[in-house]
Amino acid sequence: MAKYRKYSKEFKLQAAKLVTEQGYSYDQAAKQLGTTGWSVRNWIQKFQEAGELPSKAQSQPKIDEIRQLRKELAQLKMENEILKKAAAYFAKESL
């Protein structure tokens, strides 16, 4: 017999907002919260139908911007690490 967990409305809404507002994938949000991607997807659909969350078309530009900013952040972190290593190398060479 399967054992189902009951989640509060607040929990489900916060999980849905991870996807719709923070740009997480269904599976990323689910993994972080200990549930399934299917559950998160289902909750989002129900909240959107009830008007408690903006539709996908309304939130997509925000999600796209978040993804682009995360990509830029990763690029900048990588460049920063390269510069740190180069600075250490040249500091060692000048001694």
C-alpha atoms as a PDB file:
ATOM      1  CA  MET A   1       0.000   0.000   0.000  1.00  0.00           C
ATOM      2  CA  ALA A   2       1.438   3.365  -1.059  1.00  0.00           C
ATOM      3  CA  LYS A   3       1.959   5.982   1.595  1.00  0.00           C
ATOM      4  CA  TYR A   4       1.125   9.499   0.453  1.00  0.00           C
ATOM      5  CA  ARG A   5       2.375  12.625   2.168  1.00  0.00           C
ATOM      6  CA  LYS A   6       0.049  15.532   2.729  1.00  0.00           C
ATOM      7  CA  TYR A   7       1.520  18.953   2.050  1.00  0.00           C
ATOM      8  CA  SER A   8       0.052  22.248   3.203  1.00  0.00           C
ATOM      9  CA  LYS A   9      -1.192  24.778   0.686  1.00  0.00           C
ATOM     10  CA  GLU A  10       1.641  27.130   1.749  1.00  0.00           C
ATOM     11  CA  PHE A  11       4.252  24.427   1.092  1.00  0.00           C
ATOM     12  CA  LYS A  12       2.797  23.707  -2.354  1.00  0.00           C
ATOM     13  CA  LEU A  13       2.661  27.407  -3.221  1.00  0.00           C
ATOM     14  CA  GLN A  14       6.284  27.940  -2.176  1.00  0.00           C
ATOM     15  CA  ALA A  15       7.334  24.925  -4.240  1.00  0.00           C
ATOM     16  CA  ALA A  16       5.435  26.318  -7.223  1.00  0.00           C
ATOM     17  CA  LYS A  17       7.083  29.713  -6.783  1.00  0.00           C
ATOM     18  CA  LEU A  18      10.546  28.117  -6.922  1.00  0.00           C
ATOM     19  CA  VAL A  19       9.712  27.204 -10.512  1.00  0.00           C
ATOM     20  CA  THR A  20       7.616  30.182 -11.595  1.00  0.00           C
ATOM     21  CA  GLU A  21       9.565  32.945  -9.860  1.00  0.00           C
ATOM     22  CA  GLN A  22      13.047  31.561  -9.237  1.00  0.00           C
ATOM     23  CA  GLY A  23      13.571  29.686 -12.486  1.00  0.00           C
ATOM     24  CA  TYR A  24      14.090  26.229 -11.003  1.00  0.00           C
ATOM     25  CA  SER A  25      13.138  23.213 -13.095  1.00  0.00           C
ATOM     26  CA  TYR A  26      10.374  20.968 -11.769  1.00  0.00           C
ATOM     27  CA  ASP A  27      12.923  18.329 -10.818  1.00  0.00           C
ATOM     28  CA  GLN A  28      15.298  20.810  -9.153  1.00  0.00           C
ATOM     29  CA  ALA A  29      12.505  22.188  -6.971  1.00  0.00           C
ATOM     30  CA  ALA A  30      11.251  18.686  -6.172  1.00  0.00           C
ATOM     31  CA  LYS A  31      14.693  17.411  -5.223  1.00  0.00           C
ATOM     32  CA  GLN A  32      15.283  20.377  -2.937  1.00  0.00           C
ATOM     33  CA  LEU A  33      11.929  19.857  -1.222  1.00  0.00           C
ATOM     34  CA  GLY A  34      11.860  16.061  -1.110  1.00  0.00           C
ATOM     35  CA  THR A  35       8.903  15.548  -3.423  1.00  0.00           C
ATOM     36  CA  THR A  36       8.451  14.649  -7.090  1.00  0.00           C
ATOM     37  CA  GLY A  37       8.670  16.774 -10.216  1.00  0.00           C
ATOM     38  CA  TRP A  38       5.240  15.505 -11.200  1.00  0.00           C
ATOM     39  CA  SER A  39       3.776  16.834  -7.942  1.00  0.00           C
ATOM     40  CA  VAL A  40       5.359  20.260  -8.402  1.00  0.00           C
ATOM     41  CA  ARG A  41       4.113  20.451 -12.009  1.00  0.00           C
ATOM     42  CA  ASN A  42       0.613  19.478 -10.883  1.00  0.00           C
ATOM     43  CA  TRP A  43       0.579  22.062  -8.080  1.00  0.00           C
ATOM     44  CA  ILE A  44       1.662  24.819 -10.467  1.00  0.00           C
ATOM     45  CA  GLN A  45      -1.082  23.919 -12.910  1.00  0.00           C
ATOM     46  CA  LYS A  46      -3.723  23.993 -10.171  1.00  0.00           C
ATOM     47  CA  PHE A  47      -2.512  27.338  -8.782  1.00  0.00           C
ATOM     48  CA  GLN A  48      -2.453  28.847 -12.270  1.00  0.00           C
ATOM     49  CA  GLU A  49      -5.978  27.599 -12.986  1.00  0.00           C
ATOM     50  CA  ALA A  50      -7.146  29.101  -9.677  1.00  0.00           C
ATOM     51  CA  GLY A  51      -5.468  32.420 -10.514  1.00  0.00           C
ATOM     52  CA  GLU A  52      -3.097  32.214  -7.555  1.00  0.00           C
ATOM     53  CA  LEU A  53      -0.040  32.152  -9.831  1.00  0.00           C
ATOM     54  CA  PRO A  54       0.534  33.916 -13.141  1.00  0.00           C
ATOM     55  CA  SER A  55       0.221  31.739 -16.220  1.00  0.00           C
ATOM     56  CA  LYS A  56       3.326  30.361 -17.892  1.00  0.00           C
ATOM     57  CA  ALA A  57       3.089  32.957 -20.659  1.00  0.00           C
ATOM     58  CA  GLN A  58       3.073  35.753 -18.076  1.00  0.00           C
ATOM     59  CA  SER A  59       6.034  34.428 -16.075  1.00  0.00           C
ATOM     60  CA  GLN A  60       8.225  33.128 -18.926  1.00  0.00           C
ATOM     61  CA  PRO A  61      10.106  36.428 -19.556  1.00  0.00           C
ATOM     62  CA  LYS A  62      11.067  36.540 -15.871  1.00  0.00           C
ATOM     63  CA  ILE A  63      12.230  32.920 -15.932  1.00  0.00           C
ATOM     64  CA  ASP A  64      14.254  33.541 -19.089  1.00  0.00           C
ATOM     65  CA  GLU A  65      15.926  36.550 -17.464  1.00  0.00           C
ATOM     66  CA  ILE A  66      16.796  34.547 -14.339  1.00  0.00           C
ATOM     67  CA  ARG A  67      18.316  31.754 -16.434  1.00  0.00           C
ATOM     68  CA  GLN A  68      20.367  34.274 -18.436  1.00  0.00           C
ATOM     69  CA  LEU A  69      21.593  35.953 -15.248  1.00  0.00           C
ATOM     70  CA  ARG A  70      22.571  32.595 -13.738  1.00  0.00           C
ATOM     71  CA  LYS A  71      24.512  31.771 -16.893  1.00  0.00           C
ATOM     72  CA  GLU A  72      26.290  35.142 -16.740  1.00  0.00           C
ATOM     73  CA  LEU A  73      27.062  34.617 -13.043  1.00  0.00           C
ATOM     74  CA  ALA A  74      28.633  31.231 -13.751  1.00  0.00           C
ATOM     75  CA  GLN A  75      30.727  32.766 -16.551  1.00  0.00           C
ATOM     76  CA  LEU A  76      31.902  35.600 -14.289  1.00  0.00           C
ATOM     77  CA  LYS A  77      32.794  33.178 -11.484  1.00  0.00           C
ATOM     78  CA  MET A  78      34.865  31.123 -13.912  1.00  0.00           C
ATOM     79  CA  GLU A  79      36.644  34.233 -15.238  1.00  0.00           C
ATOM     80  CA  ASN A  80      37.295  35.395 -11.679  1.00  0.00           C
ATOM     81  CA  GLU A  81      38.930  32.056 -10.798  1.00  0.00           C
ATOM     82  CA  ILE A  82      41.148  32.282 -13.880  1.00  0.00           C
ATOM     83  CA  LEU A  83      42.215  35.810 -12.932  1.00  0.00           C
ATOM     84  CA  LYS A  84      42.988  34.730  -9.351  1.00  0.00           C
ATOM     85  CA  LYS A  85      45.197  31.905 -10.625  1.00  0.00           C
ATOM     86  CA  ALA A  86      46.943  34.207 -13.094  1.00  0.00           C
ATOM     87  CA  ALA A  87      47.576  36.817 -10.381  1.00  0.00           C
ATOM     88  CA  ALA A  88      49.022  34.159  -8.076  1.00  0.00           C
ATOM     89  CA  TYR A  89      51.212  32.829 -10.869  1.00  0.00           C
ATOM     90  CA  PHE A  90      52.611  36.249 -11.773  1.00  0.00           C
ATOM     91  CA  ALA A  91      53.107  37.185  -8.137  1.00  0.00           C
ATOM     92  CA  LYS A  92      55.171  34.023  -7.665  1.00  0.00           C
ATOM     93  CA  GLU A  93      57.187  34.733 -10.841  1.00  0.00           C
ATOM     94  CA  SER A  94      58.094  38.282  -9.726  1.00  0.00           C
ATOM     95  CA  LEU A  95      59.692  37.111  -6.461  1.00  0.00           C
END
